[in-house]
Amino acid sequence: MNETASKVSPPTPASGQGATGQSPLATGLIAGFAAVTLAIHLITAAITPYGIHRDAFLYLAMGHHLRFWRMDFPPAIGVLANVSTALFGHSLFGVRFLPAIAGTLIIALTGLMARELGGGRLAQGLSMGAVLSCPLFLRTATLFQPVVFDQLWWTLGFYALIKIAQAPRSRWWLLLGAAEGLGLLTKFSIGFFALGVLLGILLWRERAVLGTRWPYLAVLTALVIGSASIVGQVRLGFPVVIWMHDLQVHQLYRLTYGDFLFGQALQLGPALVLAGAGLVFLLRAEAMRPYRVVGWTCLGAFMLLMLLHGKAYYIGPIYPALLAAGAVGLESLAVAPRRIVLGFLIPILIVWGIAVLPFGVPILPPAPMARYAAAVGIKAAVTTNSGTQLALPQDYADMLGWKEQVAAVARAWKQLPAAQRAQTMLIARNYGEAGALEFYGPQYGLRQRILMPDNYLLWPPPTNGTCNVVVTIGIPVRDLARGFRSVRLVETYDNPWRVNEERHVPICVASSPFRNLIYEAWPRLKR
């Protein structure tokens, strides 16, 4: 079968489609939704009462210490950190800008997928509005983390899969491979998308395409683009295994299937109904028969993550495609039932989107946000990864106090005699504290070497293994006394809105070591 003959015609045109069966592209509508999405995030970045998220400090540090072919984490986030710093310097706006762009592109791709599935202006607008109403996609686009970029690459992959469904033997396989390769450079969870695609193809009526060169060119493209992540894991002894073990032991073990399913409702709200309808439409509707591969891919990835006790947001990237399909299915209904459904759905989406906006973007200061969260009463929204409950969502709590904490460290350092300051090293307990010191430290005159136990790649121990004078943050006095003769608690920094482990943070000065305690703190990753 040649390439032209293998092309699949789009579904029967809905109202407003062109004579060829391909829906007109609602360019103005897509541009409008994209502009609104970008404006929400950029305005939030300009007026937010919150600072940089603790995870962002880690990724900014990865950019500062970037070794593209020797990172224990997919290195794309480090590259993006350097792009952000080059464009905007060390600013909150710069940290928020690239995630906002990624979130905007997800919205635009959702409208494009609705159009490729045969949807007209109604389907394109409804699908984008549904994504915009979800706190899941709003929240991730405010955070400089791999999550929003992972969502973007999955969404691009689904767009490519839809184009492949229209022409199984075509160069769109290369776009699918590129999306998976970029995903591999960003977050290893792209593997669940790849497994879902494999399952979808095996259950697809066009699975004979596996006998052609195109799927294997896609795999090769993915491996070439994502090779830095693979090489880094091989060179460092597969640290991803340690992460997965730690994640399972400390967080995932307590998650149930019910938690996973309830999480879908919490992060999507009423849009979940539209997404569910989209899955049914893809798998059951005759008009969607060519696109069964998309439905099976979504279902396969969903089941894999649920069975492995993944967090609810891990499966978030399937929803732009499902919402696009659901909107197309709704548009294909007869006029009377379509008007009835839209008469209920659109107002509910609007009200929900406005009601949960403070959970999606950090615009309310801590005290009003705490009161709002308490009034809404959704405990899962303020439950941490370890299962404890806060007054604020954990992401918001993790955006507070970092600059002030660095200022407290600087005060302790400035109390030292001038002769000692230049030789003093800074030791942090965790990556949030170390990354904040690296980011804000120069503003306070702190240009000392930063150390953090258990991290050889970003904050390794000194070569000679000795530190005569150190200023520490987060390490209790009793622990320091095991290796230093002189330990002085200078200050205890606190912020009542932070997570429990970042409350009552001790800031100490230690000197006169009698034991090589510093070097001993890095044993696991050294092995």
Protein backbone atom coordinates (compact mmCIF):
# COMPACT_ATOMS: atom_id res chain seq x y z
CA MET A 1 0.00 0.00 0.00
CA ASN A 2 1.57 3.33 -1.00
CA GLU A 3 1.55 6.44 1.18
CA THR A 4 -1.24 8.22 -0.69
CA ALA A 5 -3.51 5.21 -0.67
CA SER A 6 -2.98 4.64 3.02
CA LYS A 7 -4.25 8.04 4.10
CA VAL A 8 -7.38 7.93 6.22
CA SER A 9 -10.17 10.41 5.65
CA PRO A 10 -11.16 12.53 8.63
CA PRO A 11 -14.50 11.90 10.31
CA THR A 12 -17.71 13.07 8.73
CA PRO A 13 -17.72 16.87 8.74
CA ALA A 14 -19.56 18.56 11.57
CA SER A 15 -21.36 21.83 11.20
CA GLY A 16 -19.00 24.52 9.99
CA GLN A 17 -16.41 22.20 8.40
CA GLY A 18 -15.06 22.73 4.95
CA ALA A 19 -16.20 20.79 1.93
CA THR A 20 -13.11 18.56 2.06
CA GLY A 21 -14.00 17.26 5.52
CA GLN A 22 -11.14 19.12 7.19
CA SER A 23 -12.34 21.63 9.74
CA PRO A 24 -11.34 25.26 9.23
CA LEU A 25 -8.65 26.33 11.66
CA ALA A 26 -10.09 28.79 14.17
CA THR A 27 -6.92 30.87 14.09
CA GLY A 28 -8.33 33.84 15.97
CA LEU A 29 -9.89 31.65 18.63
CA ILE A 30 -6.69 29.68 19.21
CA ALA A 31 -4.65 32.88 19.32
CA GLY A 32 -7.14 34.39 21.76
CA PHE A 33 -7.02 31.46 24.18
CA ALA A 34 -3.23 31.38 23.92
CA ALA A 35 -3.03 35.11 24.66
CA VAL A 36 -5.33 34.81 27.68
CA THR A 37 -3.32 31.87 29.04
CA LEU A 38 -0.02 33.68 28.63
CA ALA A 39 -1.45 36.86 30.16
CA ILE A 40 -2.69 34.97 33.24
CA HIS A 41 0.76 33.57 33.90
CA LEU A 42 2.77 36.71 33.14
CA ILE A 43 0.49 38.92 35.23
CA THR A 44 0.71 36.40 38.06
CA ALA A 45 4.51 36.46 37.81
CA ALA A 46 4.43 40.26 38.06
CA ILE A 47 2.08 40.56 41.06
CA THR A 48 2.45 37.28 42.97
CA PRO A 49 3.21 37.54 46.70
CA TYR A 50 5.17 34.27 46.44
CA GLY A 51 8.77 33.67 45.46
CA ILE A 52 10.68 30.94 43.65
CA HIS A 53 9.73 27.32 44.32
CA ARG A 54 12.29 25.17 46.13
CA ASP A 55 12.50 22.74 43.18
CA ALA A 56 13.30 25.61 40.81
CA PHE A 57 16.45 26.34 42.82
CA LEU A 58 17.63 22.79 42.12
CA TYR A 59 17.02 23.11 38.38
CA LEU A 60 18.64 26.55 38.21
CA ALA A 61 21.67 25.05 39.94
CA MET A 62 21.68 22.22 37.40
CA GLY A 63 22.03 24.86 34.70
CA HIS A 64 24.86 26.54 36.59
CA HIS A 65 26.70 23.22 36.94
CA LEU A 66 25.52 21.76 33.63
CA ARG A 67 27.36 18.71 32.33
CA PHE A 68 25.07 17.76 29.47
CA TRP A 69 26.37 14.20 29.05
CA ARG A 70 26.93 13.47 32.73
CA MET A 71 23.85 14.47 34.72
CA ASP A 72 21.94 12.27 37.14
CA PHE A 73 18.72 13.89 35.91
CA PRO A 74 17.50 14.51 32.33
CA PRO A 75 19.47 17.64 31.40
CA ALA A 76 16.93 19.66 29.38
CA ILE A 77 15.75 21.51 32.49
CA GLY A 78 19.32 22.67 33.10
CA VAL A 79 19.55 23.97 29.54
CA LEU A 80 16.25 25.81 29.96
CA ALA A 81 17.52 27.26 33.24
CA ASN A 82 20.48 28.75 31.39
CA VAL A 83 18.19 30.13 28.68
CA SER A 84 16.02 31.75 31.33
CA THR A 85 19.03 33.26 33.10
CA ALA A 86 20.52 34.53 29.84
CA LEU A 87 17.26 36.24 28.87
CA PHE A 88 16.10 37.64 32.21
CA GLY A 89 18.92 37.27 34.71
CA HIS A 90 18.20 36.08 38.25
CA SER A 91 14.57 37.17 38.44
CA LEU A 92 11.25 35.62 39.42
CA PHE A 93 9.75 36.73 36.10
CA GLY A 94 12.51 34.93 34.23
CA VAL A 95 11.98 31.74 36.22
CA ARG A 96 8.25 31.83 35.45
CA PHE A 97 8.50 32.82 31.77
CA LEU A 98 9.41 29.55 30.04
CA PRO A 99 6.83 27.48 31.96
CA ALA A 100 4.22 30.07 30.94
CA ILE A 101 5.22 29.64 27.29
CA ALA A 102 4.98 25.85 27.61
CA GLY A 103 1.52 26.10 29.18
CA THR A 104 0.40 28.41 26.38
CA LEU A 105 1.62 25.98 23.71
CA ILE A 106 -0.33 23.16 25.38
CA ILE A 107 -3.51 25.23 25.04
CA ALA A 108 -2.80 25.95 21.36
CA LEU A 109 -1.99 22.30 20.59
CA THR A 110 -5.27 21.25 22.22
CA GLY A 111 -7.20 23.43 19.76
CA LEU A 112 -5.14 22.05 16.88
CA MET A 113 -5.87 18.46 17.94
CA ALA A 114 -9.59 19.20 18.08
CA ARG A 115 -9.38 20.53 14.55
CA GLU A 116 -7.43 17.49 13.28
CA LEU A 117 -10.05 15.20 14.84
CA GLY A 118 -12.68 16.93 12.74
CA GLY A 119 -13.89 19.59 15.16
CA GLY A 120 -15.02 23.05 14.13
CA ARG A 121 -14.83 26.34 16.04
CA LEU A 122 -17.05 25.04 18.84
CA ALA A 123 -14.88 21.97 19.49
CA GLN A 124 -11.64 23.91 19.24
CA GLY A 125 -12.83 26.60 21.64
CA LEU A 126 -14.47 24.20 24.10
CA SER A 127 -11.41 21.96 24.33
CA MET A 128 -9.09 24.90 25.00
CA GLY A 129 -11.50 26.37 27.53
CA ALA A 130 -11.68 23.04 29.33
CA VAL A 131 -7.88 22.85 29.62
CA LEU A 132 -7.77 26.44 30.86
CA SER A 133 -10.32 25.61 33.58
CA CYS A 134 -8.14 22.83 35.05
CA PRO A 135 -5.95 23.78 38.03
CA LEU A 136 -3.57 21.03 36.96
CA PHE A 137 -2.46 22.87 33.83
CA LEU A 138 -2.55 26.29 35.45
CA ARG A 139 -0.39 25.19 38.39
CA THR A 140 2.29 23.39 36.37
CA ALA A 141 2.72 26.37 34.05
CA THR A 142 3.64 28.57 37.04
CA LEU A 143 6.44 26.27 38.20
CA PHE A 144 9.92 25.97 36.74
CA GLN A 145 9.92 22.19 36.86
CA PRO A 146 10.12 19.43 34.22
CA VAL A 147 6.38 18.69 34.66
CA VAL A 148 4.96 21.36 32.35
CA PHE A 149 7.55 20.62 29.65
CA ASP A 150 6.78 16.91 30.00
CA GLN A 151 3.11 17.75 29.45
CA LEU A 152 4.07 19.74 26.36
CA TRP A 153 6.03 16.88 24.78
CA TRP A 154 3.25 14.37 25.47
CA THR A 155 0.76 16.76 23.89
CA LEU A 156 3.00 17.25 20.85
CA GLY A 157 3.32 13.46 20.65
CA PHE A 158 -0.47 13.05 20.66
CA TYR A 159 -0.75 15.63 17.89
CA ALA A 160 1.77 13.64 15.85
CA LEU A 161 -0.15 10.41 16.60
CA ILE A 162 -3.36 11.97 15.27
CA LYS A 163 -1.54 12.94 12.06
CA ILE A 164 -0.14 9.40 11.82
CA ALA A 165 -3.68 8.02 12.16
CA GLN A 166 -4.58 10.06 9.08
CA ALA A 167 -1.52 8.82 7.16
CA PRO A 168 0.02 5.72 8.81
CA ARG A 169 3.00 5.65 6.45
CA SER A 170 4.22 9.22 6.64
CA ARG A 171 6.92 11.47 7.99
CA TRP A 172 4.75 12.37 10.99
CA TRP A 173 6.47 9.44 12.70
CA LEU A 174 9.57 11.63 12.89
CA LEU A 175 7.63 14.27 14.84
CA LEU A 176 6.41 11.54 17.20
CA GLY A 177 10.02 10.41 17.68
CA ALA A 178 11.17 14.00 18.24
CA ALA A 179 8.47 14.53 20.89
CA GLU A 180 9.51 11.36 22.70
CA GLY A 181 13.19 12.32 22.44
CA LEU A 182 12.53 15.76 23.90
CA GLY A 183 10.50 14.05 26.60
CA LEU A 184 13.42 11.74 27.35
CA LEU A 185 15.63 14.80 27.76
CA THR A 186 13.06 16.27 30.17
CA LYS A 187 11.53 13.54 32.33
CA PHE A 188 11.74 9.75 32.30
CA SER A 189 7.95 9.47 32.59
CA ILE A 190 7.84 9.86 28.81
CA GLY A 191 8.42 6.10 28.89
CA PHE A 192 4.78 5.62 29.91
CA PHE A 193 3.71 7.55 26.82
CA ALA A 194 5.96 5.35 24.68
CA LEU A 195 4.49 2.18 26.20
CA GLY A 196 1.00 3.55 25.69
CA VAL A 197 1.78 4.24 22.02
CA LEU A 198 3.09 0.70 21.58
CA LEU A 199 -0.09 -0.74 23.10
CA GLY A 200 -2.21 1.56 20.97
CA ILE A 201 -0.47 0.47 17.77
CA LEU A 202 -0.80 -3.22 18.66
CA LEU A 203 -4.58 -2.76 19.12
CA TRP A 204 -4.96 -0.54 16.03
CA ARG A 205 -6.32 -1.80 12.75
CA GLU A 206 -3.28 -0.26 11.00
CA ARG A 207 -0.78 -2.21 13.11
CA ALA A 208 0.73 -3.57 9.91
CA VAL A 209 2.61 -0.27 9.90
CA LEU A 210 5.01 -1.98 12.32
CA GLY A 211 6.31 -3.82 9.26
CA THR A 212 7.46 -0.54 7.69
CA ARG A 213 10.50 1.60 8.46
CA TRP A 214 8.57 4.51 10.00
CA PRO A 215 8.08 3.32 13.62
CA TYR A 216 11.74 2.36 13.85
CA LEU A 217 12.84 5.71 12.47
CA ALA A 218 10.71 7.27 15.21
CA VAL A 219 12.47 5.15 17.85
CA LEU A 220 15.87 6.06 16.41
CA THR A 221 14.94 9.76 16.40
CA ALA A 222 13.85 9.56 20.03
CA LEU A 223 17.04 7.80 21.11
CA VAL A 224 19.30 10.25 19.27
CA ILE A 225 17.58 13.34 20.66
CA GLY A 226 17.31 11.89 24.18
CA SER A 227 20.73 10.23 24.19
CA ALA A 228 22.20 12.60 26.81
CA SER A 229 19.78 11.30 29.43
CA ILE A 230 20.69 7.70 28.65
CA VAL A 231 24.44 8.36 28.58
CA GLY A 232 24.25 10.21 31.90
CA GLN A 233 22.50 7.29 33.56
CA VAL A 234 25.02 4.78 32.22
CA ARG A 235 28.02 6.87 33.27
CA LEU A 236 26.67 7.45 36.78
CA GLY A 237 25.45 3.91 37.46
CA PHE A 238 21.72 4.53 36.89
CA PRO A 239 20.87 6.90 39.74
CA VAL A 240 17.27 6.82 38.50
CA VAL A 241 17.01 3.49 40.33
CA ILE A 242 17.84 5.24 43.62
CA TRP A 243 15.27 7.96 42.94
CA MET A 244 12.54 5.48 42.15
CA HIS A 245 13.31 3.48 45.29
CA ASP A 246 13.30 6.59 47.47
CA LEU A 247 10.09 7.83 45.85
CA GLN A 248 8.41 4.50 46.45
CA VAL A 249 9.58 4.25 50.07
CA HIS A 250 8.76 7.82 51.10
CA GLN A 251 5.74 8.80 48.99
CA LEU A 252 4.18 6.33 46.56
CA TYR A 253 3.75 3.47 49.03
CA ARG A 254 0.78 5.15 50.69
CA LEU A 255 -1.09 6.01 47.47
CA THR A 256 -4.10 3.84 46.66
CA TYR A 257 -6.06 3.39 43.46
CA GLY A 258 -8.75 5.51 45.07
CA ASP A 259 -6.25 8.32 45.65
CA PHE A 260 -5.23 8.15 42.01
CA LEU A 261 -8.81 8.25 40.74
CA PHE A 262 -9.93 10.98 43.15
CA GLY A 263 -6.90 12.99 42.12
CA GLN A 264 -8.17 13.06 38.55
CA ALA A 265 -11.42 14.68 39.66
CA LEU A 266 -9.57 17.18 41.85
CA GLN A 267 -7.14 18.33 39.18
CA LEU A 268 -9.64 18.43 36.30
CA GLY A 269 -12.98 19.20 37.95
CA PRO A 270 -15.97 19.09 35.57
CA ALA A 271 -13.62 18.85 32.59
CA LEU A 272 -13.09 15.23 33.63
CA VAL A 273 -16.58 14.42 32.30
CA LEU A 274 -15.60 15.84 28.91
CA ALA A 275 -12.31 13.89 28.98
CA GLY A 276 -14.15 10.66 29.82
CA ALA A 277 -16.57 11.27 26.96
CA GLY A 278 -13.54 11.84 24.73
CA LEU A 279 -12.10 8.44 25.62
CA VAL A 280 -15.42 6.72 24.92
CA PHE A 281 -15.78 8.65 21.67
CA LEU A 282 -12.29 7.64 20.52
CA LEU A 283 -12.81 3.96 21.32
CA ARG A 284 -16.44 3.51 20.31
CA ALA A 285 -17.58 6.07 17.72
CA GLU A 286 -17.44 4.88 14.14
CA ALA A 287 -16.30 8.33 13.01
CA MET A 288 -13.27 7.96 15.29
CA ARG A 289 -12.24 4.51 14.08
CA PRO A 290 -9.04 5.82 12.43
CA TYR A 291 -8.07 7.43 15.75
CA ARG A 292 -8.51 4.37 17.98
CA VAL A 293 -4.73 4.39 18.44
CA VAL A 294 -5.04 7.68 20.36
CA GLY A 295 -7.69 6.29 22.69
CA TRP A 296 -5.78 3.06 23.38
CA THR A 297 -2.61 5.05 24.05
CA CYS A 298 -4.39 7.21 26.64
CA LEU A 299 -6.05 4.22 28.30
CA GLY A 300 -2.84 2.18 28.34
CA ALA A 301 -0.78 4.95 29.94
CA PHE A 302 -3.55 5.59 32.49
CA MET A 303 -3.75 1.95 33.57
CA LEU A 304 0.04 1.59 33.80
CA LEU A 305 0.42 4.60 36.08
CA MET A 306 -2.54 3.63 38.25
CA LEU A 307 -1.31 0.06 38.71
CA LEU A 308 2.16 1.34 39.64
CA HIS A 309 0.66 3.71 42.25
CA GLY A 310 1.77 6.85 40.45
CA LYS A 311 0.78 10.29 41.67
CA ALA A 312 -2.42 11.64 40.14
CA TYR A 313 -0.71 14.39 38.17
CA TYR A 314 1.64 11.95 36.41
CA ILE A 315 -1.13 11.07 33.95
CA GLY A 316 -2.11 14.69 33.34
CA PRO A 317 -0.54 14.86 29.84
CA ILE A 318 -3.21 12.59 28.33
CA TYR A 319 -6.00 15.06 29.01
CA PRO A 320 -5.48 17.68 26.27
CA ALA A 321 -6.01 14.92 23.66
CA LEU A 322 -9.03 13.49 25.51
CA LEU A 323 -10.59 16.93 25.99
CA ALA A 324 -10.10 17.65 22.30
CA ALA A 325 -11.81 14.36 21.41
CA GLY A 326 -14.63 14.98 23.89
CA ALA A 327 -15.28 18.42 22.45
CA VAL A 328 -15.41 16.98 18.92
CA GLY A 329 -17.82 14.28 20.08
CA LEU A 330 -20.06 16.86 21.73
CA GLU A 331 -20.03 19.01 18.62
CA SER A 332 -21.14 16.02 16.54
CA LEU A 333 -24.39 15.61 18.54
CA ALA A 334 -27.69 16.71 17.09
CA VAL A 335 -28.49 20.38 17.61
CA ALA A 336 -31.02 19.97 20.45
CA PRO A 337 -29.01 17.67 22.75
CA ARG A 338 -25.83 19.60 21.98
CA ARG A 339 -27.45 22.85 23.15
CA ILE A 340 -28.71 21.19 26.34
CA VAL A 341 -25.29 19.75 27.21
CA LEU A 342 -23.48 22.97 26.39
CA GLY A 343 -26.01 24.95 28.40
CA PHE A 344 -24.92 23.03 31.50
CA LEU A 345 -21.26 22.35 30.72
CA ILE A 346 -19.98 25.77 29.71
CA PRO A 347 -21.31 27.66 32.77
CA ILE A 348 -20.02 24.90 35.07
CA LEU A 349 -16.55 25.07 33.49
CA ILE A 350 -16.49 28.86 33.84
CA VAL A 351 -17.63 28.84 37.47
CA TRP A 352 -15.22 26.04 38.34
CA GLY A 353 -12.32 27.76 36.58
CA ILE A 354 -12.90 30.98 38.51
CA ALA A 355 -13.44 29.15 41.82
CA VAL A 356 -10.21 27.16 41.63
CA LEU A 357 -8.08 29.90 40.08
CA PRO A 358 -6.34 30.60 43.43
CA PHE A 359 -5.33 26.92 43.52
CA GLY A 360 -4.00 27.14 39.97
CA VAL A 361 -1.98 30.35 40.14
CA PRO A 362 -0.40 31.87 43.29
CA ILE A 363 -2.21 35.20 43.46
CA LEU A 364 -3.67 35.25 47.00
CA PRO A 365 -1.23 36.07 49.84
CA PRO A 366 -0.68 33.28 52.38
CA ALA A 367 -3.24 34.35 55.00
CA PRO A 368 -6.17 34.88 52.55
CA MET A 369 -5.15 31.75 50.65
CA ALA A 370 -5.20 29.71 53.87
CA ARG A 371 -8.67 31.01 54.69
CA TYR A 372 -9.86 30.26 51.16
CA ALA A 373 -8.44 26.72 51.25
CA ALA A 374 -10.11 26.10 54.61
CA ALA A 375 -13.44 27.43 53.31
CA VAL A 376 -13.30 25.23 50.21
CA GLY A 377 -12.52 22.25 52.44
CA ILE A 378 -10.68 20.05 49.92
CA LYS A 379 -8.11 18.43 52.20
CA ALA A 380 -6.23 16.79 49.35
CA ALA A 381 -5.38 20.24 47.99
CA VAL A 382 -3.35 21.07 51.11
CA THR A 383 -1.89 17.60 51.79
CA THR A 384 1.86 17.23 51.33
CA ASN A 385 3.74 14.45 49.58
CA SER A 386 4.38 12.87 52.99
CA GLY A 387 0.69 12.92 53.92
CA THR A 388 0.67 15.82 56.39
CA GLN A 389 -1.76 18.71 56.03
CA LEU A 390 -0.80 22.36 55.74
CA ALA A 391 -2.67 25.63 55.72
CA LEU A 392 -1.54 26.20 52.12
CA PRO A 393 -1.03 23.95 49.09
CA GLN A 394 2.47 22.50 49.35
CA ASP A 395 3.66 24.20 46.17
CA TYR A 396 2.75 27.57 47.67
CA ALA A 397 4.39 26.77 51.00
CA ASP A 398 7.52 25.80 49.08
CA MET A 399 7.66 29.28 47.49
CA LEU A 400 8.08 31.15 50.76
CA GLY A 401 11.00 32.33 52.87
CA TRP A 402 14.00 31.38 50.75
CA LYS A 403 15.46 34.83 50.20
CA GLU A 404 14.97 35.76 53.85
CA GLN A 405 16.64 32.52 54.85
CA VAL A 406 19.69 33.34 52.74
CA ALA A 407 19.80 36.79 54.35
CA ALA A 408 19.91 35.08 57.76
CA VAL A 409 22.88 32.96 56.63
CA ALA A 410 24.61 36.12 55.42
CA ARG A 411 24.14 37.71 58.85
CA ALA A 412 25.81 34.73 60.50
CA TRP A 413 28.68 34.83 58.02
CA LYS A 414 29.25 38.57 58.53
CA GLN A 415 29.73 38.00 62.26
CA LEU A 416 32.95 36.10 61.54
CA PRO A 417 36.31 37.88 61.60
CA ALA A 418 37.24 39.24 58.19
CA ALA A 419 40.20 36.87 57.92
CA GLN A 420 37.93 33.84 58.28
CA ARG A 421 35.16 34.88 55.89
CA ALA A 422 37.06 34.20 52.68
CA GLN A 423 37.90 30.64 53.79
CA THR A 424 34.46 29.81 55.16
CA MET A 425 32.30 27.24 53.39
CA LEU A 426 28.51 27.01 53.45
CA ILE A 427 26.78 23.71 54.12
CA ALA A 428 23.08 23.16 53.42
CA ARG A 429 20.90 20.26 54.49
CA ASN A 430 18.88 19.96 51.25
CA TYR A 431 18.77 21.14 47.66
CA GLY A 432 16.27 23.91 48.36
CA GLU A 433 18.59 25.51 50.90
CA ALA A 434 21.70 24.95 48.76
CA GLY A 435 20.04 26.21 45.59
CA ALA A 436 18.69 29.31 47.33
CA LEU A 437 22.18 30.08 48.66
CA GLU A 438 23.56 29.79 45.15
CA PHE A 439 20.80 31.93 43.64
CA TYR A 440 20.51 34.70 46.24
CA GLY A 441 23.89 34.45 47.95
CA PRO A 442 25.79 36.92 45.74
CA GLN A 443 23.20 39.61 46.53
CA TYR A 444 24.32 39.38 50.16
CA GLY A 445 28.04 39.05 49.51
CA LEU A 446 28.03 35.25 49.85
CA ARG A 447 30.31 33.81 47.21
CA GLN A 448 31.66 30.96 49.31
CA ARG A 449 31.72 27.38 48.14
CA ILE A 450 28.44 25.60 48.87
CA LEU A 451 28.32 21.98 50.02
CA MET A 452 25.34 19.67 50.31
CA PRO A 453 25.57 16.06 51.54
CA ASP A 454 24.56 13.35 49.08
CA ASN A 455 25.17 15.47 45.99
CA TYR A 456 28.48 14.98 44.21
CA LEU A 457 27.43 16.60 40.94
CA LEU A 458 26.16 19.99 42.12
CA TRP A 459 27.63 20.60 45.58
CA PRO A 460 30.49 18.10 46.15
CA PRO A 461 32.79 17.93 49.18
CA PRO A 462 36.15 19.72 49.03
CA THR A 463 38.97 17.79 47.43
CA ASN A 464 41.04 17.64 50.59
CA GLY A 465 38.01 16.76 52.69
CA THR A 466 38.57 19.50 55.27
CA CYS A 467 36.56 22.56 56.28
CA ASN A 468 38.05 24.59 59.13
CA VAL A 469 35.13 27.03 59.42
CA VAL A 470 31.62 26.47 58.10
CA VAL A 471 28.30 28.26 58.25
CA THR A 472 25.49 25.71 58.12
CA ILE A 473 21.77 25.86 57.52
CA GLY A 474 19.31 23.18 58.52
CA ILE A 475 21.82 20.98 60.39
CA PRO A 476 21.16 20.55 64.13
CA VAL A 477 23.83 21.57 66.65
CA ARG A 478 24.09 18.00 68.00
CA ASP A 479 24.98 16.67 64.54
CA LEU A 480 27.67 19.29 64.00
CA ALA A 481 29.11 18.58 67.46
CA ARG A 482 30.02 15.10 66.23
CA GLY A 483 32.76 16.62 64.07
CA PHE A 484 33.54 20.16 65.30
CA ARG A 485 34.91 21.30 68.65
CA SER A 486 33.21 24.68 68.41
CA VAL A 487 29.56 24.92 67.36
CA ARG A 488 27.46 28.04 67.84
CA LEU A 489 23.76 28.44 67.03
CA VAL A 490 23.52 31.94 65.56
CA GLU A 491 19.87 32.08 64.58
CA THR A 492 16.79 29.96 64.02
CA TYR A 493 14.91 31.02 60.93
CA ASP A 494 11.17 30.38 60.80
CA ASN A 495 8.21 31.12 58.57
CA PRO A 496 4.84 29.81 59.80
CA TRP A 497 3.55 29.10 56.28
CA ARG A 498 6.30 26.72 55.22
CA VAL A 499 6.25 22.92 55.23
CA ASN A 500 7.12 21.28 58.55
CA GLU A 501 10.67 20.29 57.58
CA GLU A 502 11.46 23.91 56.67
CA ARG A 503 10.26 25.31 60.01
CA HIS A 504 12.64 26.32 62.83
CA VAL A 505 15.71 26.08 60.59
CA PRO A 506 18.97 26.31 62.61
CA ILE A 507 21.79 28.49 61.26
CA CYS A 508 25.12 27.67 62.90
CA VAL A 509 28.81 28.48 62.75
CA ALA A 510 31.16 25.55 63.36
CA SER A 511 34.95 25.48 63.52
CA SER A 512 37.96 23.42 64.67
CA PRO A 513 37.07 20.05 63.12
CA PHE A 514 38.37 16.94 64.89
CA ARG A 515 36.79 14.46 62.50
CA ASN A 516 36.37 14.34 58.72
CA LEU A 517 32.61 14.66 59.15
CA ILE A 518 32.03 16.70 56.01
CA TYR A 519 33.50 14.20 53.62
CA GLU A 520 31.74 11.32 55.34
CA ALA A 521 28.35 12.85 54.53
CA TRP A 522 28.56 11.93 50.83
CA PRO A 523 29.00 8.12 50.98
CA ARG A 524 25.96 6.85 49.10
CA LEU A 525 26.44 8.67 45.82
CA LYS A 526 30.19 8.13 46.01
CA ARG A 527 29.54 4.40 45.85
